């Protein structure tokens, strides 16, 4: 227990050390950035736009309550409030267990998504938003989600596709629409698609291009601000393009809403689910 928060880490397999996590608690309340950087962060427009999270969480809340009037939902990566999650937070009938590998304002339990410290069939739902690109074995994490869900339990995931590295050494994977579907092959699909499309992806790529010229942290900060001011408007194209056939092939971030199943989606069937613009499969 550190600061009233349990740390439940499998020391034999996790890449995270308990001592390091415990030490992190001492610095969690300290500002991550300097005063100038914090001021710029407040003033600079964001290049990211999640166009569907509110709608998806509203649907998830409805489906959860249909199954159980008092559902319990595990949030993996819940140190801070995710985009759209307020729809769930405002529902008094839904109980959240918010976990992360980091201390944060909403962390109630520290654990590694590769070894979720709960028994089988514990939860009615699992939320894992902007996490699976940051784990070394996302398929194991998906299996853990399947394990801790009750029969017919629900999962909602959002995962990066066309994004540059954004969490340093803890940034490992990217998923296409079909790759994301295969990750959740043990789940019945309710629906899937993009929450951030090619407009946001273009803004990310433009920012990464500019940052490649940075030779110091000060220049990096200036270039980042310049990139945001000159490209933030691109994200608004996602309302038109994110879930078109071409938009899915170049989306910035994808989502999956599904239900725990006893069947596993086969790879041959997976190929029939491609919805992008390159139906021939020949490199463009």
Protein backbone atom coordinates (compact mmCIF):
# COMPACT_ATOMS: atom_id res chain seq x y z
CA UNK A 1 0.00 0.00 0.00
CA UNK A 2 1.37 3.42 -0.99
CA UNK A 3 -0.69 6.50 -0.24
CA UNK A 4 -3.70 4.28 0.35
CA UNK A 5 -3.40 2.69 -3.10
CA UNK A 6 -2.68 -1.06 -3.39
CA UNK A 7 0.20 -2.04 -5.70
CA UNK A 8 -0.49 -5.49 -7.13
CA UNK A 9 2.32 -6.30 -9.58
CA UNK A 10 3.55 -9.73 -10.64
CA UNK A 11 7.27 -9.19 -10.00
CA UNK A 12 8.27 -12.30 -11.94
CA UNK A 13 6.86 -11.11 -15.27
CA UNK A 14 6.14 -7.37 -15.21
CA UNK A 15 8.51 -4.84 -16.76
CA UNK A 16 7.60 -2.51 -13.89
CA UNK A 17 9.36 -2.64 -10.53
CA UNK A 18 7.35 -2.14 -7.36
CA UNK A 19 10.05 0.05 -5.81
CA UNK A 20 10.03 2.37 -8.82
CA UNK A 21 6.25 2.62 -8.73
CA UNK A 22 6.30 3.38 -5.02
CA UNK A 23 8.92 6.09 -5.60
CA UNK A 24 6.77 7.54 -8.36
CA UNK A 25 4.10 8.36 -5.77
CA UNK A 26 6.48 10.91 -4.24
CA UNK A 27 6.73 12.86 -7.49
CA UNK A 28 3.17 12.34 -8.79
CA UNK A 29 1.92 15.57 -7.22
CA UNK A 30 4.80 17.64 -8.59
CA UNK A 31 4.27 19.54 -11.88
CA UNK A 32 5.36 17.49 -14.86
CA UNK A 33 6.31 20.59 -16.85
CA UNK A 34 7.83 23.99 -16.04
CA UNK A 35 5.67 27.09 -15.66
CA UNK A 36 6.22 28.26 -19.26
CA UNK A 37 5.42 24.81 -20.66
CA UNK A 38 2.25 24.58 -18.55
CA UNK A 39 1.11 27.99 -19.74
CA UNK A 40 1.71 27.08 -23.38
CA UNK A 41 -0.10 23.78 -22.89
CA UNK A 42 -3.21 25.66 -21.74
CA UNK A 43 -3.08 28.14 -24.61
CA UNK A 44 -2.09 25.91 -27.51
CA UNK A 45 -5.00 24.24 -29.35
CA UNK A 46 -4.98 20.46 -29.46
CA UNK A 47 -4.50 18.60 -32.72
CA UNK A 48 -6.48 15.59 -31.48
CA UNK A 49 -10.23 15.23 -31.83
CA UNK A 50 -12.15 12.19 -30.57
CA UNK A 51 -15.37 12.48 -32.55
CA UNK A 52 -17.30 9.54 -31.08
CA UNK A 53 -16.29 8.80 -27.50
CA UNK A 54 -19.33 10.51 -25.94
CA UNK A 55 -21.71 8.51 -28.12
CA UNK A 56 -19.88 5.22 -27.51
CA UNK A 57 -19.80 5.62 -23.73
CA UNK A 58 -23.49 6.49 -23.69
CA UNK A 59 -24.18 3.26 -25.59
CA UNK A 60 -21.87 1.28 -23.31
CA UNK A 61 -23.69 2.60 -20.24
CA UNK A 62 -27.02 1.58 -21.72
CA UNK A 63 -25.82 -1.93 -22.59
CA UNK A 64 -24.26 -2.41 -19.16
CA UNK A 65 -27.42 -1.45 -17.28
CA UNK A 66 -29.52 -3.67 -19.54
CA UNK A 67 -27.43 -6.63 -18.34
CA UNK A 68 -27.18 -5.66 -14.70
CA UNK A 69 -28.78 -2.68 -12.87
CA UNK A 70 -25.61 -2.33 -10.77
CA UNK A 71 -22.74 -3.18 -13.14
CA UNK A 72 -19.09 -3.11 -12.09
CA UNK A 73 -16.63 -1.86 -14.71
CA UNK A 74 -12.85 -2.23 -14.72
CA UNK A 75 -10.97 0.72 -16.21
CA UNK A 76 -7.45 -0.17 -17.35
CA UNK A 77 -5.38 2.98 -17.72
CA UNK A 78 -7.72 5.02 -15.56
CA UNK A 79 -5.31 7.32 -13.70
CA UNK A 80 -7.03 10.26 -15.38
CA UNK A 81 -10.49 10.65 -16.85
CA UNK A 82 -10.57 9.43 -20.44
CA UNK A 83 -12.28 11.28 -23.28
CA UNK A 84 -16.04 10.67 -23.02
CA UNK A 85 -15.83 8.62 -19.82
CA UNK A 86 -17.94 11.19 -17.97
CA UNK A 87 -21.00 9.53 -19.50
CA UNK A 88 -20.17 6.50 -17.35
CA UNK A 89 -19.04 8.50 -14.31
CA UNK A 90 -22.35 10.36 -14.13
CA UNK A 91 -24.37 7.14 -13.99
CA UNK A 92 -24.94 6.46 -10.26
CA UNK A 93 -25.69 2.78 -10.90
CA UNK A 94 -22.30 2.00 -12.47
CA UNK A 95 -19.35 1.26 -10.19
CA UNK A 96 -15.87 1.83 -11.60
CA UNK A 97 -12.64 0.18 -10.51
CA UNK A 98 -10.01 2.50 -11.97
CA UNK A 99 -6.56 0.98 -12.35
CA UNK A 100 -3.30 2.09 -13.91
CA UNK A 101 0.42 1.49 -13.73
CA UNK A 102 0.80 5.13 -12.69
CA UNK A 103 -0.48 7.15 -9.75
CA UNK A 104 -3.06 9.71 -10.78
CA UNK A 105 -6.11 11.56 -9.50
CA UNK A 106 -8.39 8.59 -10.25
CA UNK A 107 -6.07 5.62 -9.59
CA UNK A 108 -7.59 3.25 -7.03
CA UNK A 109 -5.30 0.30 -7.80
CA UNK A 110 -1.86 -0.08 -9.39
CA UNK A 111 -1.58 -3.15 -11.62
CA UNK A 112 -0.11 -4.37 -14.90
CA UNK A 113 -2.64 -5.08 -17.66
CA UNK A 114 -0.71 -8.27 -18.50
CA UNK A 115 -1.69 -9.72 -15.09
CA UNK A 116 -4.99 -8.27 -13.93
CA UNK A 117 -5.29 -9.13 -10.20
CA UNK A 118 -8.92 -10.23 -10.20
CA UNK A 119 -10.66 -13.57 -10.41
CA UNK A 120 -12.37 -14.86 -13.53
CA UNK A 121 -15.81 -13.46 -14.38
CA UNK A 122 -15.55 -10.51 -11.98
CA UNK A 123 -16.64 -7.57 -14.14
CA UNK A 124 -19.64 -6.62 -16.27
CA UNK A 125 -17.48 -4.39 -18.45
CA UNK A 126 -13.89 -3.35 -19.17
CA UNK A 127 -12.73 -0.03 -20.57
CA UNK A 128 -9.21 0.25 -22.00
CA UNK A 129 -8.68 3.59 -23.70
CA UNK A 130 -5.37 4.61 -25.29
CA UNK A 131 -3.49 1.81 -23.52
CA UNK A 132 -2.91 -1.16 -25.82
CA UNK A 133 -0.29 0.64 -27.90
CA UNK A 134 1.74 1.00 -24.69
CA UNK A 135 1.89 -2.64 -23.58
CA UNK A 136 4.52 -5.16 -24.68
CA UNK A 137 1.98 -7.93 -25.31
CA UNK A 138 -1.46 -6.56 -26.22
CA UNK A 139 -2.79 -10.05 -27.02
CA UNK A 140 -2.09 -11.21 -23.49
CA UNK A 141 -3.85 -8.10 -22.18
CA UNK A 142 -6.87 -8.87 -24.38
CA UNK A 143 -6.92 -12.41 -22.97
CA UNK A 144 -6.84 -10.99 -19.45
CA UNK A 145 -9.81 -8.75 -20.30
CA UNK A 146 -11.67 -11.80 -21.59
CA UNK A 147 -10.82 -13.74 -18.43
CA UNK A 148 -12.06 -11.17 -15.91
CA UNK A 149 -15.29 -10.43 -17.78
CA UNK A 150 -18.49 -12.22 -16.86
CA UNK A 151 -20.12 -14.29 -19.64
CA UNK A 152 -21.49 -11.82 -22.17
CA UNK A 153 -19.54 -8.97 -20.53
CA UNK A 154 -18.65 -5.89 -22.58
CA UNK A 155 -15.34 -4.38 -23.61
CA UNK A 156 -14.72 -0.91 -25.02
CA UNK A 157 -11.25 -0.14 -26.39
CA UNK A 158 -9.62 2.77 -28.18
CA UNK A 159 -6.15 2.19 -29.62
CA UNK A 160 -3.70 4.17 -31.74
CA UNK A 161 -3.12 3.53 -35.44
CA UNK A 162 -1.53 6.45 -37.35
CA UNK A 163 0.24 8.18 -34.47
CA UNK A 164 3.90 8.90 -33.79
CA UNK A 165 5.60 7.68 -30.63
CA UNK A 166 4.08 9.62 -27.76
CA UNK A 167 5.10 7.81 -24.57
CA UNK A 168 8.80 7.28 -25.08
CA UNK A 169 10.11 3.81 -24.31
CA UNK A 170 6.63 2.68 -23.23
CA UNK A 171 5.25 2.86 -26.77
CA UNK A 172 5.22 -0.44 -28.68
CA UNK A 173 2.30 -1.19 -31.01
CA UNK A 174 -0.06 0.23 -33.63
CA UNK A 175 -3.16 -1.42 -35.07
CA UNK A 176 -5.03 -1.20 -38.35
CA UNK A 177 -8.79 -1.69 -38.32
CA UNK A 178 -8.40 -5.42 -39.05
CA UNK A 179 -5.47 -5.74 -36.65
CA UNK A 180 -7.56 -4.23 -33.88
CA UNK A 181 -10.41 -6.61 -34.69
CA UNK A 182 -8.04 -9.58 -34.50
CA UNK A 183 -6.79 -8.38 -31.14
CA UNK A 184 -10.35 -8.87 -29.88
CA UNK A 185 -10.92 -12.09 -31.81
CA UNK A 186 -12.44 -13.77 -28.72
CA UNK A 187 -15.21 -11.18 -28.62
CA UNK A 188 -18.40 -10.79 -30.61
CA UNK A 189 -18.32 -7.45 -32.40
CA UNK A 190 -21.05 -4.93 -31.66
CA UNK A 191 -19.35 -2.33 -33.82
CA UNK A 192 -15.93 -0.89 -34.56
CA UNK A 193 -14.37 1.98 -36.48
CA UNK A 194 -12.40 5.19 -36.06
CA UNK A 195 -12.71 7.80 -33.32
CA UNK A 196 -10.03 10.00 -34.89
CA UNK A 197 -9.50 9.97 -38.63
CA UNK A 198 -7.04 11.02 -41.33
CA UNK A 199 -7.30 14.73 -40.51
CA UNK A 200 -5.93 14.13 -37.03
CA UNK A 201 -3.40 11.63 -38.43
CA UNK A 202 -2.14 14.29 -40.86
CA UNK A 203 -1.75 16.81 -38.04
CA UNK A 204 0.24 14.26 -36.01
CA UNK A 205 2.51 13.51 -39.00
CA UNK A 206 3.06 17.22 -39.66
CA UNK A 207 3.98 17.80 -36.02
CA UNK A 208 6.38 14.83 -36.06
CA UNK A 209 8.04 16.20 -39.21
CA UNK A 210 8.63 19.57 -37.58
CA UNK A 211 9.86 18.04 -34.32
CA UNK A 212 12.48 16.06 -36.23
CA UNK A 213 14.33 19.37 -36.69
CA UNK A 214 14.46 20.08 -32.94
CA UNK A 215 17.95 19.97 -31.45
CA UNK A 216 16.96 21.11 -27.95
CA UNK A 217 13.99 20.85 -25.61
CA UNK A 218 13.29 24.60 -26.00
CA UNK A 219 13.17 24.32 -29.79
CA UNK A 220 11.03 21.22 -29.49
CA UNK A 221 8.54 23.12 -27.33
CA UNK A 222 8.42 26.01 -29.82
CA UNK A 223 7.99 23.72 -32.83
CA UNK A 224 5.29 21.75 -31.06
CA UNK A 225 3.34 24.95 -30.36
CA UNK A 226 3.82 26.13 -33.96
CA UNK A 227 2.61 22.77 -35.29
CA UNK A 228 -0.52 22.91 -33.15
CA UNK A 229 -1.42 26.48 -34.12
CA UNK A 230 -0.95 25.80 -37.82
CA UNK A 231 -2.62 22.37 -38.06
CA UNK A 232 -5.28 22.04 -35.35
CA UNK A 233 -8.03 22.73 -37.91
CA UNK A 234 -7.24 19.52 -39.80
CA UNK A 235 -8.96 17.43 -37.10
CA UNK A 236 -12.36 18.81 -38.07
CA UNK A 237 -12.19 16.95 -41.39
CA UNK A 238 -12.60 13.76 -39.34
CA UNK A 239 -16.31 14.43 -38.92
CA UNK A 240 -16.60 13.86 -42.67
CA UNK A 241 -13.81 11.37 -43.35
CA UNK A 242 -13.04 9.23 -40.30
CA UNK A 243 -15.28 6.29 -41.16
CA UNK A 244 -15.17 6.38 -44.91
CA UNK A 245 -13.37 3.48 -46.63
CA UNK A 246 -10.23 5.55 -47.20
CA UNK A 247 -10.56 7.17 -43.80
CA UNK A 248 -10.37 3.84 -41.99
CA UNK A 249 -7.16 2.96 -43.84
CA UNK A 250 -5.54 6.16 -42.60
CA UNK A 251 -7.27 6.68 -39.25
CA UNK A 252 -5.44 8.12 -36.28
CA UNK A 253 -7.22 6.07 -33.60
CA UNK A 254 -9.61 3.12 -33.70
CA UNK A 255 -12.23 1.70 -31.37
CA UNK A 256 -13.86 -1.65 -30.70
CA UNK A 257 -17.05 -2.34 -28.76
CA UNK A 258 -17.69 -6.03 -28.21
CA UNK A 259 -19.14 -8.75 -26.05
CA UNK A 260 -17.28 -11.69 -24.48
CA UNK A 261 -17.80 -14.81 -26.55
CA UNK A 262 -17.01 -18.52 -26.30
CA UNK A 263 -16.02 -18.53 -29.98
CA UNK A 264 -12.83 -17.23 -31.58
CA UNK A 265 -12.81 -15.31 -34.85
CA UNK A 266 -10.72 -17.19 -37.42
CA UNK A 267 -8.17 -15.43 -39.60
CA UNK A 268 -9.91 -16.44 -42.85
CA UNK A 269 -13.13 -14.91 -41.61
CA UNK A 270 -11.16 -11.88 -40.42
CA UNK A 271 -10.05 -11.15 -43.99
CA UNK A 272 -13.68 -10.86 -45.11
CA UNK A 273 -14.19 -8.02 -42.62
CA UNK A 274 -11.83 -5.58 -44.37
CA UNK A 275 -13.69 -2.35 -45.11
CA UNK A 276 -10.95 -0.12 -46.50
CA UNK A 277 -10.43 1.26 -50.00
CA UNK A 278 -7.84 -1.27 -51.21
CA UNK A 279 -10.13 -4.22 -51.78
CA UNK A 280 -7.73 -5.85 -54.28
CA UNK A 281 -5.07 -6.35 -51.61
CA UNK A 282 -2.41 -5.22 -54.11
CA UNK A 283 0.01 -2.61 -52.74
CA UNK A 284 -0.96 0.85 -53.96
